[in-house]
Amino acid sequence: MKLVWFLYFAVPLLEAAQLCQKDVYGVRRYNGKVCASTTRYVDGHRGACGCGPRNTDTPFTWNMQQFLTAPSERYFDNGGSSLWCGRNCGKCVKLTPTGGFVPGEGDAPPNNNSIVFMVTNACPIIGNEKWCGIQGKPGTKSVNTYGYEVHFDLQNQAGQIDRIYWNNPEVTWEEVTCPSNYKSLWLQCECSRSSG
């Protein structure tokens, strides 16, 4: 009887970790805003937006230290499948933790402060199906394994994500104008010369 009681109460607690709830289309939202999943990555490459010296795979130092993201492939290329100079390279997104997380994959952050990230890399579908296996761009009701239309893999080479105590939080997201320092950094990237 004790095991049944435990299971009865534990299952709703696990679902409650994801504060973004599915709408009628299966897309997760929080207070009316579209949600996204996040993870962290460490990568010593210049990334899919070419943010390093030309003809090398070496990144600019800032490309390892700033708040940068490798979003899911279909967001990276605005619905396309290019993994180089995607149409959203150099764009900025404001990520705001909901206080939720995917059970077994992360934790709630200590606060819900928003942070602006710039797109400098891509999270390809192949090899990342669980998180980035989203077959359509946002707004097409295509979601990953956990019900999110977009996934943001966050650069953590210099421990910048660890320092803000984000362990794969669930976030709301919106595109925003990049801060001036990000705009000037973006102009150093190879793909800035091919974007409109």
Protein backbone atom coordinates (compact mmCIF):
# COMPACT_ATOMS: atom_id res chain seq x y z
CA MET A 1 0.00 0.00 0.00
CA LYS A 2 2.89 2.40 0.78
CA LEU A 3 4.40 1.88 -2.70
CA VAL A 4 1.08 2.68 -4.40
CA TRP A 5 0.73 5.85 -2.28
CA PHE A 6 4.30 6.90 -3.20
CA LEU A 7 3.74 6.36 -6.92
CA TYR A 8 0.42 8.19 -6.81
CA PHE A 9 2.04 11.33 -5.40
CA ALA A 10 5.47 11.10 -7.11
CA VAL A 11 4.22 11.07 -10.72
CA PRO A 12 2.46 14.48 -10.49
CA LEU A 13 5.57 15.92 -8.82
CA LEU A 14 7.75 14.87 -11.76
CA GLU A 15 5.41 16.52 -14.29
CA ALA A 16 5.32 19.68 -12.14
CA ALA A 17 9.07 20.14 -12.78
CA GLN A 18 8.09 21.32 -16.28
CA LEU A 19 6.19 24.52 -15.53
CA CYS A 20 5.49 25.12 -19.22
CA GLN A 21 2.26 23.32 -20.03
CA LYS A 22 1.26 21.84 -23.38
CA ASP A 23 -1.32 23.80 -25.37
CA VAL A 24 -3.89 22.14 -27.66
CA TYR A 25 -1.15 21.61 -30.27
CA GLY A 26 1.28 19.98 -27.83
CA VAL A 27 3.57 23.05 -27.69
CA ARG A 28 4.72 24.08 -24.20
CA ARG A 29 3.86 27.61 -22.98
CA TYR A 30 4.24 29.51 -19.73
CA ASN A 31 2.00 32.48 -18.97
CA GLY A 32 1.17 32.66 -22.68
CA LYS A 33 4.83 32.70 -23.80
CA VAL A 34 6.42 29.96 -25.91
CA CYS A 35 8.94 27.85 -23.99
CA ALA A 36 12.24 26.22 -24.95
CA SER A 37 14.50 23.59 -23.50
CA THR A 38 18.19 24.26 -22.81
CA THR A 39 21.40 22.31 -22.35
CA ARG A 40 25.08 23.33 -22.10
CA TYR A 41 27.97 22.51 -24.37
CA VAL A 42 31.73 22.95 -24.44
CA ASP A 43 33.22 23.31 -27.88
CA GLY A 44 36.60 24.67 -28.93
CA HIS A 45 35.53 25.36 -32.52
CA ARG A 46 34.56 28.56 -34.31
CA GLY A 47 31.01 27.32 -34.81
CA ALA A 48 28.50 27.26 -37.63
CA CYS A 49 28.42 31.06 -37.99
CA GLY A 50 32.17 31.30 -38.64
CA CYS A 51 33.16 33.19 -35.48
CA GLY A 52 36.90 32.68 -35.72
CA PRO A 53 39.76 33.45 -38.10
CA ARG A 54 38.94 32.50 -41.68
CA ASN A 55 40.29 29.18 -43.02
CA THR A 56 40.74 27.78 -39.49
CA ASP A 57 38.51 26.06 -36.96
CA THR A 58 39.91 28.23 -34.17
CA PRO A 59 37.32 30.36 -32.37
CA PHE A 60 37.69 34.00 -31.38
CA THR A 61 38.26 34.16 -27.61
CA TRP A 62 34.94 35.95 -27.10
CA ASN A 63 33.21 33.07 -28.91
CA MET A 64 34.05 30.89 -25.93
CA GLN A 65 33.36 33.42 -23.15
CA GLN A 66 30.15 35.34 -23.95
CA PHE A 67 26.53 34.23 -23.59
CA LEU A 68 26.14 32.41 -26.89
CA THR A 69 23.86 29.69 -28.16
CA ALA A 70 23.66 26.86 -30.67
CA PRO A 71 19.90 26.61 -31.26
CA SER A 72 18.11 23.66 -32.80
CA GLU A 73 18.79 23.29 -36.51
CA ARG A 74 15.39 24.44 -37.80
CA TYR A 75 15.57 27.63 -35.71
CA PHE A 76 19.24 28.18 -36.66
CA ASP A 77 18.31 28.24 -40.36
CA ASN A 78 14.77 29.65 -39.97
CA GLY A 79 13.11 26.43 -41.11
CA GLY A 80 15.88 25.32 -43.46
CA SER A 81 18.51 22.65 -42.93
CA SER A 82 21.76 24.51 -43.53
CA LEU A 83 24.38 23.95 -40.85
CA TRP A 84 26.62 26.78 -42.10
CA CYS A 85 25.70 30.48 -42.02
CA GLY A 86 22.12 29.76 -40.99
CA ARG A 87 19.60 32.56 -41.51
CA ASN A 88 19.45 33.25 -37.75
CA CYS A 89 23.21 33.55 -37.25
CA GLY A 90 23.99 36.70 -35.28
CA LYS A 91 20.45 37.12 -33.97
CA CYS A 92 19.84 37.50 -30.25
CA VAL A 93 17.32 35.79 -28.03
CA LYS A 94 16.28 36.66 -24.51
CA LEU A 95 15.95 33.53 -22.38
CA THR A 96 13.99 33.72 -19.13
CA PRO A 97 13.90 30.71 -16.80
CA THR A 98 10.43 29.63 -15.71
CA GLY A 99 11.72 27.90 -12.59
CA GLY A 100 11.02 24.58 -14.30
CA PHE A 101 13.17 21.91 -15.92
CA VAL A 102 12.89 18.54 -17.64
CA PRO A 103 12.80 15.85 -14.91
CA GLY A 104 16.08 13.94 -14.74
CA GLU A 105 17.78 16.39 -17.14
CA GLY A 106 18.34 19.53 -15.06
CA ASP A 107 17.35 21.65 -12.08
CA ALA A 108 15.51 24.86 -11.32
CA PRO A 109 17.84 27.89 -11.40
CA PRO A 110 18.24 30.05 -8.26
CA ASN A 111 16.42 32.96 -9.95
CA ASN A 112 14.41 33.75 -13.06
CA ASN A 113 16.57 36.59 -14.39
CA SER A 114 16.55 36.98 -18.18
CA ILE A 115 19.80 36.79 -20.18
CA VAL A 116 20.39 37.71 -23.82
CA PHE A 117 22.27 35.15 -25.93
CA MET A 118 23.61 35.51 -29.48
CA VAL A 119 23.36 32.71 -32.07
CA THR A 120 26.85 31.65 -33.21
CA ASN A 121 26.47 27.91 -33.70
CA ALA A 122 23.89 25.20 -34.50
CA CYS A 123 22.57 22.12 -32.73
CA PRO A 124 22.10 19.67 -35.62
CA ILE A 125 19.24 17.21 -35.63
CA ILE A 126 21.48 14.23 -36.38
CA GLY A 127 23.13 13.06 -33.18
CA ASN A 128 20.95 15.34 -31.03
CA GLU A 129 17.51 13.92 -31.80
CA LYS A 130 16.25 14.07 -28.20
CA TRP A 131 16.79 17.84 -27.84
CA CYS A 132 17.26 19.27 -31.35
CA GLY A 133 15.19 16.79 -33.39
CA ILE A 134 12.57 19.42 -34.19
CA GLN A 135 11.44 19.09 -37.81
CA GLY A 136 9.94 22.56 -38.31
CA LYS A 137 10.68 26.15 -37.39
CA PRO A 138 8.88 27.78 -34.46
CA GLY A 139 5.20 28.25 -35.15
CA THR A 140 4.80 24.99 -37.09
CA LYS A 141 3.79 22.96 -34.01
CA SER A 142 6.81 20.68 -34.39
CA VAL A 143 8.38 19.83 -31.02
CA ASN A 144 11.29 17.90 -29.52
CA THR A 145 10.99 14.85 -27.27
CA TYR A 146 9.98 17.06 -24.34
CA GLY A 147 7.40 19.22 -26.14
CA TYR A 148 9.45 22.35 -26.94
CA GLU A 149 9.42 24.08 -30.37
CA VAL A 150 13.00 25.32 -29.94
CA HIS A 151 16.06 24.09 -28.08
CA PHE A 152 18.99 26.32 -27.10
CA ASP A 153 22.35 24.64 -26.42
CA LEU A 154 24.32 27.21 -24.39
CA GLN A 155 28.08 27.74 -24.77
CA ASN A 156 29.82 26.93 -21.48
CA GLN A 157 33.49 26.81 -22.55
CA ALA A 158 34.51 29.41 -19.94
CA GLY A 159 32.02 28.23 -17.31
CA GLN A 160 29.71 31.17 -17.98
CA ILE A 161 26.56 29.03 -17.65
CA ASP A 162 27.88 27.29 -14.55
CA ARG A 163 28.51 30.71 -12.95
CA ILE A 164 24.84 31.67 -13.27
CA TYR A 165 23.83 28.23 -11.93
CA TRP A 166 21.78 27.23 -14.96
CA ASN A 167 21.54 23.44 -15.16
CA ASN A 168 19.40 22.99 -18.29
CA PRO A 169 16.46 25.13 -17.15
CA GLU A 170 13.21 25.42 -19.03
CA VAL A 171 12.91 28.97 -20.41
CA THR A 172 10.59 31.28 -22.26
CA TRP A 173 12.27 32.91 -25.24
CA GLU A 174 11.88 35.81 -27.60
CA GLU A 175 14.00 37.40 -30.30
CA VAL A 176 15.41 40.77 -29.25
CA THR A 177 17.71 43.41 -30.68
CA CYS A 178 21.29 42.48 -29.90
CA PRO A 179 23.17 44.68 -27.43
CA SER A 180 25.77 46.92 -29.10
CA ASN A 181 28.70 44.81 -27.89
CA TYR A 182 27.20 41.70 -29.51
CA LYS A 183 26.56 43.62 -32.74
CA SER A 184 30.24 44.58 -32.97
CA LEU A 185 31.39 41.04 -32.13
CA TRP A 186 29.06 39.62 -34.77
CA LEU A 187 30.70 41.75 -37.47
CA GLN A 188 33.92 39.75 -36.91
CA CYS A 189 32.19 36.48 -37.93
CA GLU A 190 32.52 35.14 -41.46
CA CYS A 191 28.76 34.65 -41.82
CA SER A 192 28.05 38.31 -40.98
CA ARG A 193 29.16 39.15 -44.50
CA SER A 194 26.58 36.82 -46.04
CA SER A 195 23.57 37.74 -43.86
CA GLY A 196 21.00 40.27 -44.83
